[in-house]
């Protein structure tokens, strides 16, 4: 299964249409109805229409979320998967000196991995659950994550759409949040002996 385009650069809120084309073992197109999954934004079908002559193609619309980073799109049917990547452009959150905070409101469902770009061993994830009623206290619906020398506390934050996460640096050194995952290999790697 091929996903087209294989990668896209989008600004926050921009939309891009992706399609998946299925092939049999002989390379002939076959109809596909894959399950689409993504992080960093939202996917839906039926909002953009283009003329596609291939009968084996299914289309979806990806809407870029607010957290800059590189995020996967997967089309899966049974054991067969097709993959693409979306890079969400935007300013990275600022460096946070001890005592400083950074807030971000999440408006799209999905899993948002992040890490400290000054110490890539420190990682966390925000899960935005569209069916979850906000369980956060206060009118501002803000979840608080502490940045410590050991990492992000809590490691996983589960929130509802339109809730906010506030990261506060409680360490004695500077930290910075970066969307995505560090050291991902995005191109084929050939090892020669």
Protein backbone atom coordinates (compact mmCIF):
# COMPACT_ATOMS: atom_id res chain seq x y z
CA UNK A 1 0.00 0.00 0.00
CA UNK A 2 1.33 3.43 -0.97
CA UNK A 3 0.39 6.69 0.75
CA UNK A 4 0.58 9.83 -1.40
CA UNK A 5 2.16 12.26 -0.80
CA UNK A 6 4.80 10.52 1.30
CA UNK A 7 5.52 13.73 3.22
CA UNK A 8 4.12 17.23 3.61
CA UNK A 9 5.08 20.44 5.37
CA UNK A 10 2.05 22.23 6.84
CA UNK A 11 1.51 25.31 8.92
CA UNK A 12 -0.75 25.06 11.95
CA UNK A 13 -4.36 24.57 10.87
CA UNK A 14 -3.54 23.88 7.22
CA UNK A 15 -5.08 20.90 5.50
CA UNK A 16 -3.65 18.35 3.11
CA UNK A 17 -5.32 15.52 1.27
CA UNK A 18 -3.64 12.11 1.43
CA UNK A 19 -4.56 8.99 -0.49
CA UNK A 20 -3.74 5.31 -0.10
CA UNK A 21 -3.49 2.98 -3.07
CA UNK A 22 -3.54 -0.79 -2.64
CA UNK A 23 -1.71 -3.32 -4.80
CA UNK A 24 -1.79 -7.09 -5.01
CA UNK A 25 1.30 -9.31 -5.20
CA UNK A 26 1.40 -8.80 -8.98
CA UNK A 27 1.47 -5.01 -8.68
CA UNK A 28 -2.13 -4.53 -9.81
CA UNK A 29 -4.29 -1.94 -8.05
CA UNK A 30 -6.90 -3.35 -5.68
CA UNK A 31 -9.61 -1.53 -3.69
CA UNK A 32 -8.57 -0.55 -0.17
CA UNK A 33 -10.50 0.72 2.83
CA UNK A 34 -7.69 1.21 5.36
CA UNK A 35 -7.98 2.42 8.92
CA UNK A 36 -6.14 5.75 9.13
CA UNK A 37 -4.25 6.84 12.23
CA UNK A 38 -2.11 9.88 12.89
CA UNK A 39 -0.60 12.11 15.53
CA UNK A 40 -0.03 15.84 15.47
CA UNK A 41 -3.40 16.62 13.94
CA UNK A 42 -6.70 15.18 12.84
CA UNK A 43 -7.78 13.06 9.88
CA UNK A 44 -11.20 12.76 8.31
CA UNK A 45 -12.69 11.55 5.04
CA UNK A 46 -15.01 13.17 2.56
CA UNK A 47 -14.16 16.85 2.97
CA UNK A 48 -12.01 17.35 -0.12
CA UNK A 49 -12.76 15.81 -3.47
CA UNK A 50 -10.49 15.38 -6.46
CA UNK A 51 -10.78 13.29 -9.55
CA UNK A 52 -8.95 10.02 -9.12
CA UNK A 53 -9.20 7.43 -11.85
CA UNK A 54 -7.74 4.62 -9.78
CA UNK A 55 -10.36 2.33 -8.30
CA UNK A 56 -7.97 1.16 -5.58
CA UNK A 57 -7.56 4.56 -3.94
CA UNK A 58 -9.04 5.95 -0.73
CA UNK A 59 -8.60 9.57 0.39
CA UNK A 60 -8.49 11.35 3.74
CA UNK A 61 -7.98 14.94 4.83
CA UNK A 62 -5.28 15.73 7.38
CA UNK A 63 -5.56 18.94 9.43
CA UNK A 64 -2.33 20.11 11.08
CA UNK A 65 -2.41 20.56 14.84
CA UNK A 66 -0.74 23.26 16.91
CA UNK A 67 2.40 21.58 18.20
CA UNK A 68 5.37 21.88 15.83
CA UNK A 69 7.12 18.62 15.02
CA UNK A 70 7.15 15.66 12.66
CA UNK A 71 4.26 13.22 12.90
CA UNK A 72 3.38 9.90 11.25
CA UNK A 73 0.31 9.06 9.18
CA UNK A 74 -0.49 5.36 8.79
CA UNK A 75 -2.99 3.63 6.53
CA UNK A 76 -3.45 0.01 7.63
CA UNK A 77 -5.50 -2.79 6.17
CA UNK A 78 -4.93 -6.10 7.89
CA UNK A 79 -1.18 -6.62 8.17
CA UNK A 80 -0.41 -4.18 5.34
CA UNK A 81 0.53 -0.60 6.15
CA UNK A 82 1.37 2.51 4.20
CA UNK A 83 3.16 5.42 5.83
CA UNK A 84 3.61 9.15 5.34
CA UNK A 85 4.98 12.02 7.42
CA UNK A 86 3.71 15.50 8.18
CA UNK A 87 6.00 18.23 9.47
CA UNK A 88 4.02 20.90 11.30
CA UNK A 89 5.82 24.20 10.93
CA UNK A 90 5.84 26.85 13.61
CA UNK A 91 7.97 28.39 16.26
CA UNK A 92 9.26 25.92 18.82
CA UNK A 93 8.40 26.69 22.43
CA UNK A 94 11.01 28.95 24.04
CA UNK A 95 13.80 27.92 26.38
CA UNK A 96 12.49 27.82 29.93
CA UNK A 97 14.76 29.13 32.65
CA UNK A 98 14.18 27.83 36.19
CA UNK A 99 10.73 28.91 37.36
CA UNK A 100 9.42 29.78 33.88
CA UNK A 101 6.35 28.20 32.25
CA UNK A 102 5.02 27.55 28.76
CA UNK A 103 1.38 26.82 27.88
CA UNK A 104 -0.18 25.18 24.85
CA UNK A 105 -3.87 24.57 24.09
CA UNK A 106 -4.60 21.39 22.13
CA UNK A 107 -7.46 21.69 19.64
CA UNK A 108 -7.11 18.34 17.84
CA UNK A 109 -7.38 14.80 19.12
CA UNK A 110 -4.27 12.64 18.97
CA UNK A 111 -1.05 11.59 20.70
CA UNK A 112 1.57 14.33 20.94
CA UNK A 113 5.02 13.06 21.93
CA UNK A 114 7.56 15.64 23.02
CA UNK A 115 11.04 15.82 24.51
CA UNK A 116 13.53 18.24 26.01
CA UNK A 117 15.74 19.49 23.20
CA UNK A 118 18.51 20.22 25.71
CA UNK A 119 18.34 16.66 27.10
CA UNK A 120 16.73 14.28 24.60
CA UNK A 121 16.51 11.55 27.23
CA UNK A 122 13.68 13.48 28.88
CA UNK A 123 10.41 12.65 27.11
CA UNK A 124 6.69 12.91 27.64
CA UNK A 125 3.38 12.62 25.83
CA UNK A 126 0.10 14.48 25.72
CA UNK A 127 -2.96 12.39 24.83
CA UNK A 128 -5.91 14.44 23.59
CA UNK A 129 -9.01 12.27 23.91
CA UNK A 130 -12.01 13.61 21.94
CA UNK A 131 -14.54 11.64 23.99
CA UNK A 132 -13.18 12.71 27.37
CA UNK A 133 -15.05 15.41 29.21
CA UNK A 134 -12.59 17.79 30.79
CA UNK A 135 -11.71 16.50 34.24
CA UNK A 136 -9.24 19.26 34.97
CA UNK A 137 -9.93 21.49 37.92
CA UNK A 138 -10.61 25.17 37.44
CA UNK A 139 -12.26 27.12 34.68
CA UNK A 140 -9.15 27.27 32.52
CA UNK A 141 -8.93 23.44 32.15
CA UNK A 142 -5.15 23.40 32.47
CA UNK A 143 -3.03 20.33 33.18
CA UNK A 144 0.30 21.05 34.86
CA UNK A 145 3.53 19.23 34.00
CA UNK A 146 6.66 19.81 36.07
CA UNK A 147 10.02 19.70 34.33
CA UNK A 148 12.57 18.19 36.70
CA UNK A 149 16.11 16.89 36.39
CA UNK A 150 14.63 13.38 36.12
CA UNK A 151 12.05 14.23 33.43
CA UNK A 152 8.50 15.40 32.84
CA UNK A 153 6.09 14.76 35.74
CA UNK A 154 3.66 13.29 34.94
CA UNK A 155 5.10 11.53 31.89
CA UNK A 156 1.66 11.12 30.25
CA UNK A 157 -1.06 13.76 30.42
CA UNK A 158 -4.54 12.89 29.14
CA UNK A 159 -6.76 15.86 28.35
CA UNK A 160 -9.84 16.77 26.35
CA UNK A 161 -9.94 18.85 23.18
CA UNK A 162 -9.42 22.57 23.93
CA UNK A 163 -7.69 21.85 27.25
CA UNK A 164 -4.32 23.42 27.97
CA UNK A 165 -1.06 21.94 29.22
CA UNK A 166 1.29 24.15 31.25
CA UNK A 167 4.91 23.03 31.53
CA UNK A 168 6.79 24.60 34.46
CA UNK A 169 10.54 24.28 34.86
CA UNK A 170 11.10 23.28 38.49
CA UNK A 171 14.73 22.33 37.84
CA UNK A 172 17.81 24.50 38.39
CA UNK A 173 18.85 24.48 34.70
CA UNK A 174 17.22 25.53 31.41
CA UNK A 175 14.89 23.13 29.61
CA UNK A 176 12.97 23.35 26.32
CA UNK A 177 10.04 21.40 24.91
CA UNK A 178 10.22 20.07 21.37
CA UNK A 179 7.38 18.29 19.59
CA UNK A 180 7.98 14.84 18.13
CA UNK A 181 10.55 12.21 19.04
CA UNK A 182 14.33 12.63 18.97
CA UNK A 183 16.63 10.58 16.75
CA UNK A 184 13.92 9.16 14.50
CA UNK A 185 15.39 7.81 11.28
CA UNK A 186 13.18 9.01 8.45
CA UNK A 187 15.15 7.77 5.47
CA UNK A 188 16.37 4.26 4.63
CA UNK A 189 19.67 3.52 6.32
CA UNK A 190 22.11 1.24 4.53
CA UNK A 191 24.95 -0.23 6.54
CA UNK A 192 27.96 -1.24 4.48
CA UNK A 193 30.40 -3.81 5.84
